[in-house]
Amino acid sequence: MGFYFAENLRFLRRRKGVTQSELSAHMNKAHTTIGNWEKKHSKPSIEELLELTRYFNVSVSDLLEKDLSKLVEQKIESSQDNEVNHLKNGTVWNSDTMQQYTEIQKKYIELLQEENKLLKQLVKESELLGVD
């Protein structure tokens, strides 16, 4: 069993579009606290951990033991594949079917745009930190 707290914290924070400073203000902690958690320099208390699970709406076990970034990617791919396959396999392509397919593609594009936004933010933060 892996321990993914630091990675999941960074992933969830970025996915929500919250900076380390904003999260530290919400948690009523020093501005360096979140960065230290994400860099594995320190760990939150049980109370802090519970507040994070409420803030990000995840379970403690998911926050600690699962690689949430991979689970999200798998859900996106699985959801899109299932919906597209359902439409392709034996379905008559009438206007309703085309509309459903278009909606699926729109959702997929939105997810790709969100992923692109997160990647741009990661690059920007890496540049600010001087990370290659």
N, C-alpha and C. Protein backbone atom coordinates (compact mmCIF):
# COMPACT_ATOMS: atom_id res chain seq x y z
N MET A 1 0.85 -1.18 0.00
CA MET A 1 0.00 0.00 0.00
C MET A 1 0.89 1.24 0.00
N GLY A 2 0.59 2.16 -0.93
CA GLY A 2 1.35 3.39 -1.03
C GLY A 2 0.82 4.46 -0.09
N PHE A 3 1.64 5.45 0.10
CA PHE A 3 1.23 6.61 0.89
C PHE A 3 1.31 7.81 -0.03
N TYR A 4 0.17 8.37 -0.39
CA TYR A 4 0.09 9.39 -1.43
C TYR A 4 -0.35 10.76 -0.93
N PHE A 5 -0.29 11.00 0.36
CA PHE A 5 -0.84 12.25 0.89
C PHE A 5 -0.29 13.49 0.17
N ALA A 6 1.03 13.62 0.10
CA ALA A 6 1.64 14.84 -0.46
C ALA A 6 1.22 15.05 -1.91
N GLU A 7 1.28 13.98 -2.70
CA GLU A 7 0.90 14.07 -4.11
C GLU A 7 -0.58 14.40 -4.27
N ASN A 8 -1.41 13.75 -3.45
CA ASN A 8 -2.85 13.99 -3.53
C ASN A 8 -3.22 15.40 -3.09
N LEU A 9 -2.55 15.89 -2.08
CA LEU A 9 -2.82 17.25 -1.62
C LEU A 9 -2.54 18.25 -2.75
N ARG A 10 -1.40 18.10 -3.38
CA ARG A 10 -1.04 18.99 -4.49
C ARG A 10 -2.05 18.84 -5.64
N PHE A 11 -2.38 17.60 -5.98
CA PHE A 11 -3.32 17.35 -7.07
C PHE A 11 -4.69 17.97 -6.77
N LEU A 12 -5.22 17.72 -5.59
CA LEU A 12 -6.56 18.23 -5.24
C LEU A 12 -6.57 19.76 -5.17
N ARG A 13 -5.50 20.32 -4.62
CA ARG A 13 -5.43 21.78 -4.50
C ARG A 13 -5.41 22.42 -5.88
N ARG A 14 -4.60 21.89 -6.77
CA ARG A 14 -4.52 22.44 -8.12
C ARG A 14 -5.81 22.21 -8.88
N ARG A 15 -6.39 21.06 -8.71
CA ARG A 15 -7.65 20.73 -9.40
C ARG A 15 -8.75 21.71 -8.98
N LYS A 16 -8.71 22.10 -7.72
CA LYS A 16 -9.70 23.05 -7.21
C LYS A 16 -9.32 24.50 -7.55
N GLY A 17 -8.11 24.70 -8.05
CA GLY A 17 -7.66 26.05 -8.43
C GLY A 17 -7.31 26.91 -7.24
N VAL A 18 -6.78 26.28 -6.20
CA VAL A 18 -6.44 26.99 -4.96
C VAL A 18 -4.92 27.03 -4.81
N THR A 19 -4.39 28.18 -4.44
CA THR A 19 -2.96 28.29 -4.21
C THR A 19 -2.62 27.76 -2.81
N GLN A 20 -1.34 27.53 -2.59
CA GLN A 20 -0.90 27.11 -1.26
C GLN A 20 -1.27 28.16 -0.22
N SER A 21 -1.10 29.41 -0.58
CA SER A 21 -1.43 30.50 0.35
C SER A 21 -2.91 30.53 0.69
N GLU A 22 -3.74 30.34 -0.32
CA GLU A 22 -5.18 30.34 -0.09
C GLU A 22 -5.59 29.19 0.82
N LEU A 23 -5.02 28.01 0.57
CA LEU A 23 -5.35 26.85 1.40
C LEU A 23 -4.84 27.04 2.82
N SER A 24 -3.64 27.61 2.96
CA SER A 24 -3.10 27.83 4.31
C SER A 24 -3.97 28.85 5.06
N ALA A 25 -4.48 29.85 4.36
CA ALA A 25 -5.38 30.81 5.01
C ALA A 25 -6.67 30.13 5.46
N HIS A 26 -7.21 29.26 4.59
CA HIS A 26 -8.43 28.53 4.96
C HIS A 26 -8.17 27.65 6.19
N MET A 27 -6.99 27.04 6.23
CA MET A 27 -6.65 26.14 7.34
C MET A 27 -6.17 26.90 8.57
N ASN A 28 -6.01 28.23 8.42
CA ASN A 28 -5.49 29.07 9.50
C ASN A 28 -4.10 28.61 9.94
N LYS A 29 -3.25 28.41 8.92
CA LYS A 29 -1.88 27.95 9.14
C LYS A 29 -0.91 28.94 8.51
N ALA A 30 0.36 28.82 8.86
CA ALA A 30 1.39 29.64 8.24
C ALA A 30 1.44 29.36 6.75
N HIS A 31 1.86 30.35 5.97
CA HIS A 31 1.83 30.20 4.51
C HIS A 31 2.76 29.12 4.01
N THR A 32 3.74 28.70 4.79
CA THR A 32 4.67 27.65 4.36
C THR A 32 4.18 26.23 4.68
N THR A 33 3.13 26.13 5.47
CA THR A 33 2.67 24.82 5.94
C THR A 33 2.28 23.90 4.80
N ILE A 34 1.47 24.40 3.87
CA ILE A 34 0.98 23.55 2.78
C ILE A 34 2.15 23.08 1.92
N GLY A 35 3.07 23.98 1.61
CA GLY A 35 4.25 23.60 0.84
C GLY A 35 5.07 22.52 1.55
N ASN A 36 5.19 22.63 2.86
CA ASN A 36 5.92 21.62 3.61
C ASN A 36 5.21 20.26 3.57
N TRP A 37 3.90 20.28 3.61
CA TRP A 37 3.14 19.02 3.49
C TRP A 37 3.33 18.42 2.10
N GLU A 38 3.26 19.28 1.06
CA GLU A 38 3.39 18.79 -0.31
C GLU A 38 4.81 18.30 -0.61
N LYS A 39 5.79 18.84 0.08
CA LYS A 39 7.18 18.42 -0.14
C LYS A 39 7.60 17.29 0.82
N LYS A 40 6.67 16.83 1.62
CA LYS A 40 6.89 15.75 2.59
C LYS A 40 7.88 16.15 3.69
N HIS A 41 7.98 17.45 3.98
CA HIS A 41 8.83 17.91 5.07
C HIS A 41 8.13 17.79 6.41
N SER A 42 6.80 17.80 6.36
CA SER A 42 6.01 17.63 7.59
C SER A 42 4.67 17.03 7.21
N LYS A 43 3.90 16.65 8.24
CA LYS A 43 2.60 16.03 8.02
C LYS A 43 1.56 16.75 8.87
N PRO A 44 0.32 16.73 8.40
CA PRO A 44 -0.73 17.40 9.18
C PRO A 44 -1.12 16.58 10.40
N SER A 45 -1.69 17.27 11.36
CA SER A 45 -2.26 16.57 12.51
C SER A 45 -3.55 15.87 12.07
N ILE A 46 -4.09 15.07 12.93
CA ILE A 46 -5.35 14.39 12.60
C ILE A 46 -6.46 15.41 12.35
N GLU A 47 -6.51 16.45 13.16
CA GLU A 47 -7.52 17.49 12.98
C GLU A 47 -7.36 18.18 11.63
N GLU A 48 -6.12 18.48 11.28
CA GLU A 48 -5.84 19.11 9.99
C GLU A 48 -6.19 18.19 8.83
N LEU A 49 -5.87 16.93 8.99
CA LEU A 49 -6.19 15.94 7.97
C LEU A 49 -7.70 15.86 7.75
N LEU A 50 -8.45 15.83 8.82
CA LEU A 50 -9.91 15.79 8.71
C LEU A 50 -10.46 17.05 8.04
N GLU A 51 -9.89 18.20 8.35
CA GLU A 51 -10.33 19.44 7.70
C GLU A 51 -10.04 19.39 6.20
N LEU A 52 -8.90 18.84 5.81
CA LEU A 52 -8.57 18.70 4.39
C LEU A 52 -9.56 17.78 3.68
N THR A 53 -9.95 16.70 4.34
CA THR A 53 -10.91 15.78 3.70
C THR A 53 -12.26 16.46 3.52
N ARG A 54 -12.64 17.29 4.45
CA ARG A 54 -13.91 18.03 4.30
C ARG A 54 -13.78 19.08 3.19
N TYR A 55 -12.68 19.77 3.17
CA TYR A 55 -12.45 20.83 2.19
C TYR A 55 -12.45 20.28 0.76
N PHE A 56 -11.79 19.14 0.56
CA PHE A 56 -11.70 18.56 -0.78
C PHE A 56 -12.77 17.49 -1.04
N ASN A 57 -13.58 17.20 -0.04
CA ASN A 57 -14.66 16.22 -0.17
C ASN A 57 -14.14 14.84 -0.61
N VAL A 58 -13.14 14.36 0.12
CA VAL A 58 -12.59 13.02 -0.10
C VAL A 58 -12.50 12.30 1.24
N SER A 59 -12.39 10.99 1.19
CA SER A 59 -12.24 10.23 2.43
C SER A 59 -10.78 10.27 2.88
N VAL A 60 -10.59 9.98 4.14
CA VAL A 60 -9.22 9.94 4.68
C VAL A 60 -8.42 8.86 3.97
N SER A 61 -9.02 7.68 3.78
CA SER A 61 -8.28 6.59 3.14
C SER A 61 -7.93 6.95 1.70
N ASP A 62 -8.83 7.61 0.97
CA ASP A 62 -8.51 8.02 -0.40
C ASP A 62 -7.38 9.04 -0.40
N LEU A 63 -7.44 10.00 0.50
CA LEU A 63 -6.42 11.05 0.56
C LEU A 63 -5.04 10.46 0.88
N LEU A 64 -5.02 9.44 1.71
CA LEU A 64 -3.74 8.88 2.14
C LEU A 64 -3.24 7.74 1.28
N GLU A 65 -4.15 6.87 0.81
CA GLU A 65 -3.72 5.58 0.27
C GLU A 65 -3.89 5.39 -1.23
N LYS A 66 -4.58 6.29 -1.92
CA LYS A 66 -4.82 6.11 -3.35
C LYS A 66 -4.18 7.25 -4.13
N ASP A 67 -3.67 6.93 -5.31
CA ASP A 67 -3.14 7.95 -6.20
C ASP A 67 -4.34 8.56 -6.93
N LEU A 68 -4.87 9.64 -6.39
CA LEU A 68 -6.10 10.22 -6.91
C LEU A 68 -5.96 10.73 -8.33
N SER A 69 -4.79 11.18 -8.72
CA SER A 69 -4.62 11.68 -10.08
C SER A 69 -4.83 10.55 -11.09
N LYS A 70 -4.36 9.37 -10.79
CA LYS A 70 -4.55 8.23 -11.69
C LYS A 70 -5.99 7.77 -11.69
N LEU A 71 -6.65 7.81 -10.54
CA LEU A 71 -8.06 7.41 -10.49
C LEU A 71 -8.92 8.34 -11.31
N VAL A 72 -8.64 9.63 -11.26
CA VAL A 72 -9.41 10.60 -12.05
C VAL A 72 -9.19 10.35 -13.53
N GLU A 73 -7.93 10.14 -13.93
CA GLU A 73 -7.64 9.85 -15.34
C GLU A 73 -8.36 8.59 -15.80
N GLN A 74 -8.34 7.55 -14.98
CA GLN A 74 -9.01 6.30 -15.33
C GLN A 74 -10.51 6.50 -15.46
N LYS A 75 -11.11 7.27 -14.57
CA LYS A 75 -12.55 7.52 -14.63
C LYS A 75 -12.92 8.27 -15.90
N ILE A 76 -12.11 9.26 -16.26
CA ILE A 76 -12.38 10.04 -17.47
C ILE A 76 -12.33 9.13 -18.69
N GLU A 77 -11.25 8.36 -18.80
CA GLU A 77 -11.10 7.48 -19.96
C GLU A 77 -12.19 6.43 -20.00
N SER A 78 -12.48 5.83 -18.87
CA SER A 78 -13.49 4.78 -18.80
C SER A 78 -14.87 5.33 -19.13
N SER A 79 -15.19 6.48 -18.59
CA SER A 79 -16.49 7.10 -18.83
C SER A 79 -16.67 7.42 -20.31
N GLN A 80 -15.66 8.03 -20.90
CA GLN A 80 -15.76 8.38 -22.31
C GLN A 80 -15.84 7.13 -23.16
N ASP A 81 -15.00 6.15 -22.91
CA ASP A 81 -15.00 4.91 -23.69
C ASP A 81 -16.35 4.21 -23.60
N ASN A 82 -16.90 4.11 -22.40
CA ASN A 82 -18.19 3.44 -22.22
C ASN A 82 -19.30 4.16 -22.97
N GLU A 83 -19.33 5.47 -22.88
CA GLU A 83 -20.39 6.23 -23.54
C GLU A 83 -20.26 6.16 -25.06
N VAL A 84 -19.05 6.29 -25.58
CA VAL A 84 -18.86 6.23 -27.03
C VAL A 84 -19.15 4.83 -27.54
N ASN A 85 -18.68 3.79 -26.84
CA ASN A 85 -18.94 2.42 -27.27
C ASN A 85 -20.42 2.11 -27.26
N HIS A 86 -21.12 2.62 -26.27
CA HIS A 86 -22.57 2.41 -26.21
C HIS A 86 -23.24 3.00 -27.45
N LEU A 87 -22.79 4.15 -27.86
CA LEU A 87 -23.38 4.79 -29.03
C LEU A 87 -23.00 4.08 -30.32
N LYS A 88 -21.78 3.57 -30.39
CA LYS A 88 -21.31 2.95 -31.63
C LYS A 88 -21.88 1.54 -31.85
N ASN A 89 -22.07 0.80 -30.79
CA ASN A 89 -22.45 -0.61 -30.90
C ASN A 89 -23.95 -0.79 -31.09
N GLY A 90 -24.35 -0.89 -32.35
CA GLY A 90 -25.72 -1.23 -32.67
C GLY A 90 -26.73 -0.10 -32.51
N THR A 91 -26.26 1.10 -32.29
CA THR A 91 -27.18 2.23 -32.12
C THR A 91 -27.40 2.91 -33.47
N VAL A 92 -28.65 3.21 -33.75
CA VAL A 92 -28.97 3.95 -34.97
C VAL A 92 -28.59 5.41 -34.73
N TRP A 93 -27.86 5.98 -35.68
CA TRP A 93 -27.38 7.34 -35.52
C TRP A 93 -28.42 8.34 -36.02
N ASN A 94 -29.42 8.57 -35.17
CA ASN A 94 -30.41 9.60 -35.49
C ASN A 94 -29.99 10.91 -34.84
N SER A 95 -30.84 11.91 -34.92
CA SER A 95 -30.47 13.23 -34.38
C SER A 95 -30.24 13.18 -32.87
N ASP A 96 -31.02 12.37 -32.15
CA ASP A 96 -30.83 12.26 -30.70
C ASP A 96 -29.48 11.62 -30.37
N THR A 97 -29.12 10.59 -31.12
CA THR A 97 -27.84 9.92 -30.91
C THR A 97 -26.69 10.86 -31.21
N MET A 98 -26.81 11.60 -32.29
CA MET A 98 -25.78 12.57 -32.63
C MET A 98 -25.65 13.63 -31.54
N GLN A 99 -26.76 14.04 -30.99
CA GLN A 99 -26.73 15.03 -29.92
C GLN A 99 -26.04 14.46 -28.68
N GLN A 100 -26.33 13.19 -28.36
CA GLN A 100 -25.67 12.54 -27.22
C GLN A 100 -24.17 12.46 -27.46
N TYR A 101 -23.80 12.05 -28.65
CA TYR A 101 -22.38 11.93 -28.99
C TYR A 101 -21.69 13.29 -28.91
N THR A 102 -22.35 14.32 -29.38
CA THR A 102 -21.80 15.67 -29.32
C THR A 102 -21.61 16.10 -27.87
N GLU A 103 -22.56 15.78 -27.01
CA GLU A 103 -22.45 16.13 -25.59
C GLU A 103 -21.26 15.41 -24.94
N ILE A 104 -21.06 14.15 -25.31
CA ILE A 104 -19.92 13.40 -24.78
C ILE A 104 -18.62 14.07 -25.21
N GLN A 105 -18.55 14.44 -26.47
CA GLN A 105 -17.34 15.10 -26.97
C GLN A 105 -17.12 16.44 -26.29
N LYS A 106 -18.19 17.18 -26.02
CA LYS A 106 -18.06 18.46 -25.31
C LYS A 106 -17.49 18.24 -23.91
N LYS A 107 -18.00 17.20 -23.20
CA LYS A 107 -17.49 16.88 -21.86
C LYS A 107 -16.01 16.55 -21.93
N TYR A 108 -15.64 15.76 -22.93
CA TYR A 108 -14.25 15.36 -23.08
C TYR A 108 -13.37 16.59 -23.34
N ILE A 109 -13.82 17.48 -24.18
CA ILE A 109 -13.07 18.70 -24.47
C ILE A 109 -12.91 19.54 -23.21
N GLU A 110 -13.98 19.65 -22.41
CA GLU A 110 -13.91 20.40 -21.16
C GLU A 110 -12.88 19.78 -20.22
N LEU A 111 -12.87 18.45 -20.15
CA LEU A 111 -11.90 17.78 -19.29
C LEU A 111 -10.47 18.01 -19.78
N LEU A 112 -10.28 17.97 -21.09
CA LEU A 112 -8.96 18.24 -21.65
C LEU A 112 -8.53 19.68 -21.38
N GLN A 113 -9.47 20.61 -21.48
CA GLN A 113 -9.15 22.02 -21.20
C GLN A 113 -8.77 22.20 -19.74
N GLU A 114 -9.47 21.49 -18.83
CA GLU A 114 -9.15 21.58 -17.42
C GLU A 114 -7.75 20.99 -17.16
N GLU A 115 -7.47 19.86 -17.80
CA GLU A 115 -6.15 19.26 -17.66
C GLU A 115 -5.08 20.20 -18.20
N ASN A 116 -5.33 20.83 -19.34
CA ASN A 116 -4.39 21.77 -19.94
C ASN A 116 -4.14 22.94 -19.00
N LYS A 117 -5.19 23.44 -18.38
CA LYS A 117 -5.06 24.55 -17.44
C LYS A 117 -4.17 24.15 -16.26
N LEU A 118 -4.39 22.93 -15.74
CA LEU A 118 -3.58 22.46 -14.62
C LEU A 118 -2.12 22.28 -15.03
N LEU A 119 -1.90 21.77 -16.23
CA LEU A 119 -0.53 21.60 -16.70
C LEU A 119 0.17 22.95 -16.88
N LYS A 120 -0.55 23.94 -17.41
CA LYS A 120 0.03 25.27 -17.56
C LYS A 120 0.39 25.86 -16.20
N GLN A 121 -0.49 25.64 -15.22
CA GLN A 121 -0.23 26.14 -13.88
C GLN A 121 0.99 25.45 -13.28
N LEU A 122 1.12 24.16 -13.53
CA LEU A 122 2.27 23.41 -13.04
C LEU A 122 3.56 23.93 -13.66
N VAL A 123 3.54 24.18 -14.96
CA VAL A 123 4.72 24.72 -15.65
C VAL A 123 5.06 26.09 -15.08
N LYS A 124 4.05 26.92 -14.89
CA LYS A 124 4.29 28.27 -14.36
C LYS A 124 4.90 28.20 -12.96
N GLU A 125 4.33 27.32 -12.11
CA GLU A 125 4.87 27.19 -10.76
C GLU A 125 6.29 26.63 -10.78
N SER A 126 6.55 25.69 -11.69
CA SER A 126 7.89 25.13 -11.81
C SER A 126 8.88 26.19 -12.23
N GLU A 127 8.47 27.05 -13.18
CA GLU A 127 9.35 28.13 -13.63
C GLU A 127 9.64 29.10 -12.50
N LEU A 128 8.61 29.41 -11.71
CA LEU A 128 8.80 30.33 -10.59
C LEU A 128 9.75 29.76 -9.55
N LEU A 129 9.69 28.43 -9.38
CA LEU A 129 10.55 27.78 -8.41
C LEU A 129 11.92 27.47 -8.97
N GLY A 130 12.08 27.64 -10.29
CA GLY A 130 13.36 27.36 -10.92
C GLY A 130 13.61 25.88 -11.11
N VAL A 131 12.52 25.09 -11.19
CA VAL A 131 12.64 23.64 -11.38
C VAL A 131 12.69 23.35 -12.87
N ASP A 132 13.64 22.51 -13.29
CA ASP A 132 13.74 22.15 -14.71
C ASP A 132 12.79 21.01 -15.02
